[in-house]
Amino acid sequence: MLLAKIGEALMLSVGMAWQVGWSLILGFALSNLVLELGIILWLLMGWQFTAAEWMAGWCSSRS
């Protein structure tokens, strides 16, 4: 009985660690995507448009 509970707890902790790992990977990938899209915007639309987009995002995140 005790071994079953220990095994169940281990499986739960491994599952949680797996989910945390994937969420960290996804967060890193999404932040890279935002940076890459900003560079593409800069190249295609010009630095003025990119600066306005970043300032709008910064101002909206502060409120």
PDB file of N, CA and C in Angstrom:
ATOM      1  N   MET A   1       0.818  -1.188   0.000  1.00  0.00           N
ATOM      2  CA  MET A   1       0.000   0.000   0.000  1.00  0.00           C
ATOM      3  C   MET A   1       0.867   1.258   0.000  1.00  0.00           C
ATOM      4  N   LEU A   2       1.885   1.269   0.860  1.00  0.00           N
ATOM      5  CA  LEU A   2       2.766   2.426   0.952  1.00  0.00           C
ATOM      6  C   LEU A   2       3.556   2.613  -0.346  1.00  0.00           C
ATOM      7  N   LEU A   3       4.026   1.509  -0.924  1.00  0.00           N
ATOM      8  CA  LEU A   3       4.769   1.595  -2.182  1.00  0.00           C
ATOM      9  C   LEU A   3       3.885   2.122  -3.312  1.00  0.00           C
ATOM     10  N   ALA A   4       2.633   1.759  -3.307  1.00  0.00           N
ATOM     11  CA  ALA A   4       1.710   2.255  -4.332  1.00  0.00           C
ATOM     12  C   ALA A   4       1.540   3.770  -4.206  1.00  0.00           C
ATOM     13  N   LYS A   5       1.424   4.252  -2.986  1.00  0.00           N
ATOM     14  CA  LYS A   5       1.282   5.702  -2.757  1.00  0.00           C
ATOM     15  C   LYS A   5       2.548   6.454  -3.167  1.00  0.00           C
ATOM     16  N   ILE A   6       3.706   5.873  -2.864  1.00  0.00           N
ATOM     17  CA  ILE A   6       4.969   6.500  -3.251  1.00  0.00           C
ATOM     18  C   ILE A   6       5.092   6.537  -4.767  1.00  0.00           C
ATOM     19  N   GLY A   7       4.748   5.434  -5.419  1.00  0.00           N
ATOM     20  CA  GLY A   7       4.785   5.390  -6.881  1.00  0.00           C
ATOM     21  C   GLY A   7       3.837   6.392  -7.501  1.00  0.00           C
ATOM     22  N   GLU A   8       2.658   6.519  -6.920  1.00  0.00           N
ATOM     23  CA  GLU A   8       1.678   7.487  -7.421  1.00  0.00           C
ATOM     24  C   GLU A   8       2.198   8.922  -7.272  1.00  0.00           C
ATOM     25  N   ALA A   9       2.821   9.218  -6.138  1.00  0.00           N
ATOM     26  CA  ALA A   9       3.380  10.549  -5.902  1.00  0.00           C
ATOM     27  C   ALA A   9       4.524  10.852  -6.877  1.00  0.00           C
ATOM     28  N   LEU A  10       5.361   9.855  -7.144  1.00  0.00           N
ATOM     29  CA  LEU A  10       6.455  10.046  -8.093  1.00  0.00           C
ATOM     30  C   LEU A  10       5.939  10.307  -9.499  1.00  0.00           C
ATOM     31  N   MET A  11       4.929   9.562  -9.911  1.00  0.00           N
ATOM     32  CA  MET A  11       4.360   9.758 -11.248  1.00  0.00           C
ATOM     33  C   MET A  11       3.741  11.152 -11.373  1.00  0.00           C
ATOM     34  N   LEU A  12       3.090  11.602 -10.311  1.00  0.00           N
ATOM     35  CA  LEU A  12       2.493  12.930 -10.319  1.00  0.00           C
ATOM     36  C   LEU A  12       3.561  14.013 -10.419  1.00  0.00           C
ATOM     37  N   SER A  13       4.653  13.862  -9.660  1.00  0.00           N
ATOM     38  CA  SER A  13       5.711  14.875  -9.691  1.00  0.00           C
ATOM     39  C   SER A  13       6.423  14.892 -11.042  1.00  0.00           C
ATOM     40  N   VAL A  14       6.625  13.724 -11.647  1.00  0.00           N
ATOM     41  CA  VAL A  14       7.252  13.681 -12.979  1.00  0.00           C
ATOM     42  C   VAL A  14       6.344  14.343 -14.002  1.00  0.00           C
ATOM     43  N   GLY A  15       5.054  14.091 -13.907  1.00  0.00           N
ATOM     44  CA  GLY A  15       4.101  14.720 -14.833  1.00  0.00           C
ATOM     45  C   GLY A  15       4.096  16.233 -14.696  1.00  0.00           C
ATOM     46  N   MET A  16       4.161  16.712 -13.459  1.00  0.00           N
ATOM     47  CA  MET A  16       4.177  18.160 -13.238  1.00  0.00           C
ATOM     48  C   MET A  16       5.472  18.770 -13.765  1.00  0.00           C
ATOM     49  N   ALA A  17       6.595  18.104 -13.553  1.00  0.00           N
ATOM     50  CA  ALA A  17       7.875  18.611 -14.051  1.00  0.00           C
ATOM     51  C   ALA A  17       7.864  18.654 -15.570  1.00  0.00           C
ATOM     52  N   TRP A  18       7.258  17.666 -16.206  1.00  0.00           N
ATOM     53  CA  TRP A  18       7.153  17.624 -17.664  1.00  0.00           C
ATOM     54  C   TRP A  18       6.369  18.830 -18.170  1.00  0.00           C
ATOM     55  N   GLN A  19       5.262  19.149 -17.507  1.00  0.00           N
ATOM     56  CA  GLN A  19       4.437  20.291 -17.922  1.00  0.00           C
ATOM     57  C   GLN A  19       5.181  21.603 -17.714  1.00  0.00           C
ATOM     58  N   VAL A  20       5.896  21.739 -16.622  1.00  0.00           N
ATOM     59  CA  VAL A  20       6.660  22.966 -16.366  1.00  0.00           C
ATOM     60  C   VAL A  20       7.746  23.129 -17.419  1.00  0.00           C
ATOM     61  N   GLY A  21       8.421  22.035 -17.766  1.00  0.00           N
ATOM     62  CA  GLY A  21       9.460  22.102 -18.794  1.00  0.00           C
ATOM     63  C   GLY A  21       8.914  22.565 -20.126  1.00  0.00           C
ATOM     64  N   TRP A  22       7.782  22.006 -20.531  1.00  0.00           N
ATOM     65  CA  TRP A  22       7.198  22.408 -21.808  1.00  0.00           C
ATOM     66  C   TRP A  22       6.711  23.849 -21.778  1.00  0.00           C
ATOM     67  N   SER A  23       6.187  24.304 -20.646  1.00  0.00           N
ATOM     68  CA  SER A  23       5.729  25.691 -20.584  1.00  0.00           C
ATOM     69  C   SER A  23       6.905  26.660 -20.667  1.00  0.00           C
ATOM     70  N   LEU A  24       8.055  26.296 -20.078  1.00  0.00           N
ATOM     71  CA  LEU A  24       9.241  27.145 -20.196  1.00  0.00           C
ATOM     72  C   LEU A  24       9.745  27.191 -21.637  1.00  0.00           C
ATOM     73  N   ILE A  25       9.745  26.042 -22.303  1.00  0.00           N
ATOM     74  CA  ILE A  25      10.181  25.995 -23.699  1.00  0.00           C
ATOM     75  C   ILE A  25       9.250  26.828 -24.568  1.00  0.00           C
ATOM     76  N   LEU A  26       7.944  26.693 -24.353  1.00  0.00           N
ATOM     77  CA  LEU A  26       6.980  27.452 -25.141  1.00  0.00           C
ATOM     78  C   LEU A  26       7.125  28.946 -24.894  1.00  0.00           C
ATOM     79  N   GLY A  27       7.314  29.343 -23.643  1.00  0.00           N
ATOM     80  CA  GLY A  27       7.497  30.762 -23.334  1.00  0.00           C
ATOM     81  C   GLY A  27       8.731  31.339 -23.993  1.00  0.00           C
ATOM     82  N   PHE A  28       9.821  30.594 -23.989  1.00  0.00           N
ATOM     83  CA  PHE A  28      11.045  31.046 -24.647  1.00  0.00           C
ATOM     84  C   PHE A  28      10.849  31.157 -26.151  1.00  0.00           C
ATOM     85  N   ALA A  29      10.174  30.175 -26.742  1.00  0.00           N
ATOM     86  CA  ALA A  29       9.938  30.194 -28.183  1.00  0.00           C
ATOM     87  C   ALA A  29       9.051  31.373 -28.575  1.00  0.00           C
ATOM     88  N   LEU A  30       8.032  31.656 -27.784  1.00  0.00           N
ATOM     89  CA  LEU A  30       7.147  32.773 -28.099  1.00  0.00           C
ATOM     90  C   LEU A  30       7.857  34.110 -27.954  1.00  0.00           C
ATOM     91  N   SER A  31       8.729  34.250 -26.955  1.00  0.00           N
ATOM     92  CA  SER A  31       9.449  35.515 -26.815  1.00  0.00           C
ATOM     93  C   SER A  31      10.423  35.709 -27.974  1.00  0.00           C
ATOM     94  N   ASN A  32      11.031  34.623 -28.468  1.00  0.00           N
ATOM     95  CA  ASN A  32      11.876  34.721 -29.653  1.00  0.00           C
ATOM     96  C   ASN A  32      11.053  35.107 -30.873  1.00  0.00           C
ATOM     97  N   LEU A  33       9.838  34.566 -30.973  1.00  0.00           N
ATOM     98  CA  LEU A  33       8.969  34.886 -32.108  1.00  0.00           C
ATOM     99  C   LEU A  33       8.617  36.369 -32.119  1.00  0.00           C
ATOM    100  N   VAL A  34       8.332  36.929 -30.948  1.00  0.00           N
ATOM    101  CA  VAL A  34       8.012  38.355 -30.863  1.00  0.00           C
ATOM    102  C   VAL A  34       9.201  39.191 -31.323  1.00  0.00           C
ATOM    103  N   LEU A  35      10.394  38.821 -30.900  1.00  0.00           N
ATOM    104  CA  LEU A  35      11.593  39.551 -31.304  1.00  0.00           C
ATOM    105  C   LEU A  35      11.811  39.441 -32.817  1.00  0.00           C
ATOM    106  N   GLU A  36      11.654  38.246 -33.366  1.00  0.00           N
ATOM    107  CA  GLU A  36      11.855  38.058 -34.801  1.00  0.00           C
ATOM    108  C   GLU A  36      10.815  38.831 -35.605  1.00  0.00           C
ATOM    109  N   LEU A  37       9.570  38.833 -35.149  1.00  0.00           N
ATOM    110  CA  LEU A  37       8.538  39.604 -35.856  1.00  0.00           C
ATOM    111  C   LEU A  37       8.831  41.103 -35.785  1.00  0.00           C
ATOM    112  N   GLY A  38       9.374  41.559 -34.664  1.00  0.00           N
ATOM    113  CA  GLY A  38       9.754  42.964 -34.552  1.00  0.00           C
ATOM    114  C   GLY A  38      10.850  43.325 -35.544  1.00  0.00           C
ATOM    115  N   ILE A  39      11.808  42.433 -35.735  1.00  0.00           N
ATOM    116  CA  ILE A  39      12.885  42.685 -36.706  1.00  0.00           C
ATOM    117  C   ILE A  39      12.323  42.711 -38.121  1.00  0.00           C
ATOM    118  N   ILE A  40      11.422  41.793 -38.424  1.00  0.00           N
ATOM    119  CA  ILE A  40      10.808  41.773 -39.766  1.00  0.00           C
ATOM    120  C   ILE A  40       9.995  43.045 -39.994  1.00  0.00           C
ATOM    121  N   LEU A  41       9.240  43.473 -38.967  1.00  0.00           N
ATOM    122  CA  LEU A  41       8.494  44.732 -39.093  1.00  0.00           C
ATOM    123  C   LEU A  41       9.440  45.893 -39.365  1.00  0.00           C
ATOM    124  N   TRP A  42      10.557  45.911 -38.673  1.00  0.00           N
ATOM    125  CA  TRP A  42      11.530  46.973 -38.853  1.00  0.00           C
ATOM    126  C   TRP A  42      12.054  46.985 -40.286  1.00  0.00           C
ATOM    127  N   LEU A  43      12.367  45.816 -40.808  1.00  0.00           N
ATOM    128  CA  LEU A  43      12.913  45.739 -42.169  1.00  0.00           C
ATOM    129  C   LEU A  43      11.879  46.099 -43.229  1.00  0.00           C
ATOM    130  N   LEU A  44      10.644  45.658 -43.035  1.00  0.00           N
ATOM    131  CA  LEU A  44       9.628  45.863 -44.070  1.00  0.00           C
ATOM    132  C   LEU A  44       8.903  47.205 -43.956  1.00  0.00           C
ATOM    133  N   MET A  45       8.626  47.649 -42.744  1.00  0.00           N
ATOM    134  CA  MET A  45       7.789  48.833 -42.557  1.00  0.00           C
ATOM    135  C   MET A  45       8.584  50.078 -42.160  1.00  0.00           C
ATOM    136  N   GLY A  46       9.797  49.894 -41.698  1.00  0.00           N
ATOM    137  CA  GLY A  46      10.587  51.049 -41.291  1.00  0.00           C
ATOM    138  C   GLY A  46      10.675  51.158 -39.785  1.00  0.00           C
ATOM    139  N   TRP A  47      11.683  51.885 -39.336  1.00  0.00           N
ATOM    140  CA  TRP A  47      11.918  51.967 -37.900  1.00  0.00           C
ATOM    141  C   TRP A  47      10.843  52.781 -37.189  1.00  0.00           C
ATOM    142  N   GLN A  48      10.208  53.745 -37.873  1.00  0.00           N
ATOM    143  CA  GLN A  48       9.176  54.564 -37.226  1.00  0.00           C
ATOM    144  C   GLN A  48       7.971  53.704 -36.835  1.00  0.00           C
ATOM    145  N   PHE A  49       7.551  52.831 -37.760  1.00  0.00           N
ATOM    146  CA  PHE A  49       6.411  51.960 -37.477  1.00  0.00           C
ATOM    147  C   PHE A  49       6.739  51.001 -36.344  1.00  0.00           C
ATOM    148  N   THR A  50       7.932  50.439 -36.368  1.00  0.00           N
ATOM    149  CA  THR A  50       8.343  49.494 -35.329  1.00  0.00           C
ATOM    150  C   THR A  50       8.406  50.190 -33.968  1.00  0.00           C
ATOM    151  N   ALA A  51       8.947  51.389 -33.927  1.00  0.00           N
ATOM    152  CA  ALA A  51       9.022  52.133 -32.665  1.00  0.00           C
ATOM    153  C   ALA A  51       7.623  52.442 -32.133  1.00  0.00           C
ATOM    154  N   ALA A  52       6.705  52.810 -33.027  1.00  0.00           N
ATOM    155  CA  ALA A  52       5.335  53.093 -32.602  1.00  0.00           C
ATOM    156  C   ALA A  52       4.654  51.833 -32.065  1.00  0.00           C
ATOM    157  N   GLU A  53       4.874  50.692 -32.698  1.00  0.00           N
ATOM    158  CA  GLU A  53       4.288  49.431 -32.226  1.00  0.00           C
ATOM    159  C   GLU A  53       4.834  49.063 -30.851  1.00  0.00           C
ATOM    160  N   TRP A  54       6.136  49.191 -30.654  1.00  0.00           N
ATOM    161  CA  TRP A  54       6.732  48.840 -29.363  1.00  0.00           C
ATOM    162  C   TRP A  54       6.276  49.799 -28.273  1.00  0.00           C
ATOM    163  N   MET A  55       6.155  51.075 -28.600  1.00  0.00           N
ATOM    164  CA  MET A  55       5.694  52.033 -27.600  1.00  0.00           C
ATOM    165  C   MET A  55       4.227  51.778 -27.241  1.00  0.00           C
ATOM    166  N   ALA A  56       3.417  51.430 -28.228  1.00  0.00           N
ATOM    167  CA  ALA A  56       2.001  51.115 -27.952  1.00  0.00           C
ATOM    168  C   ALA A  56       1.916  49.868 -27.074  1.00  0.00           C
ATOM    169  N   GLY A  57       2.719  48.868 -27.353  1.00  0.00           N
ATOM    170  CA  GLY A  57       2.716  47.664 -26.522  1.00  0.00           C
ATOM    171  C   GLY A  57       3.215  47.947 -25.118  1.00  0.00           C
ATOM    172  N   TRP A  58       4.218  48.787 -24.980  1.00  0.00           N
ATOM    173  CA  TRP A  58       4.759  49.119 -23.677  1.00  0.00           C
ATOM    174  C   TRP A  58       3.736  49.905 -22.865  1.00  0.00           C
ATOM    175  N   CYS A  59       3.072  50.875 -23.520  1.00  0.00           N
ATOM    176  CA  CYS A  59       2.087  51.696 -22.814  1.00  0.00           C
ATOM    177  C   CYS A  59       0.868  50.864 -22.402  1.00  0.00           C
ATOM    178  N   SER A  60       0.441  49.936 -23.245  1.00  0.00           N
ATOM    179  CA  SER A  60      -0.719  49.131 -22.897  1.00  0.00           C
ATOM    180  C   SER A  60      -0.404  48.120 -21.798  1.00  0.00           C
ATOM    181  N   SER A  61       0.852  47.708 -21.699  1.00  0.00           N
ATOM    182  CA  SER A  61       1.199  46.749 -20.642  1.00  0.00           C
ATOM    183  C   SER A  61       1.341  47.422 -19.294  1.00  0.00           C
ATOM    184  N   ARG A  62       1.510  48.727 -19.260  1.00  0.00           N
ATOM    185  CA  ARG A  62       1.685  49.450 -18.001  1.00  0.00           C
ATOM    186  C   ARG A  62       0.359  49.838 -17.379  1.00  0.00           C
ATOM    187  N   SER A  63      -0.725  49.786 -18.124  1.00  0.00           N
ATOM    188  CA  SER A  63      -2.005  50.195 -17.544  1.00  0.00           C
ATOM    189  C   SER A  63      -2.811  49.019 -17.071  1.00  0.00           C
TER     190      SER A  63
END
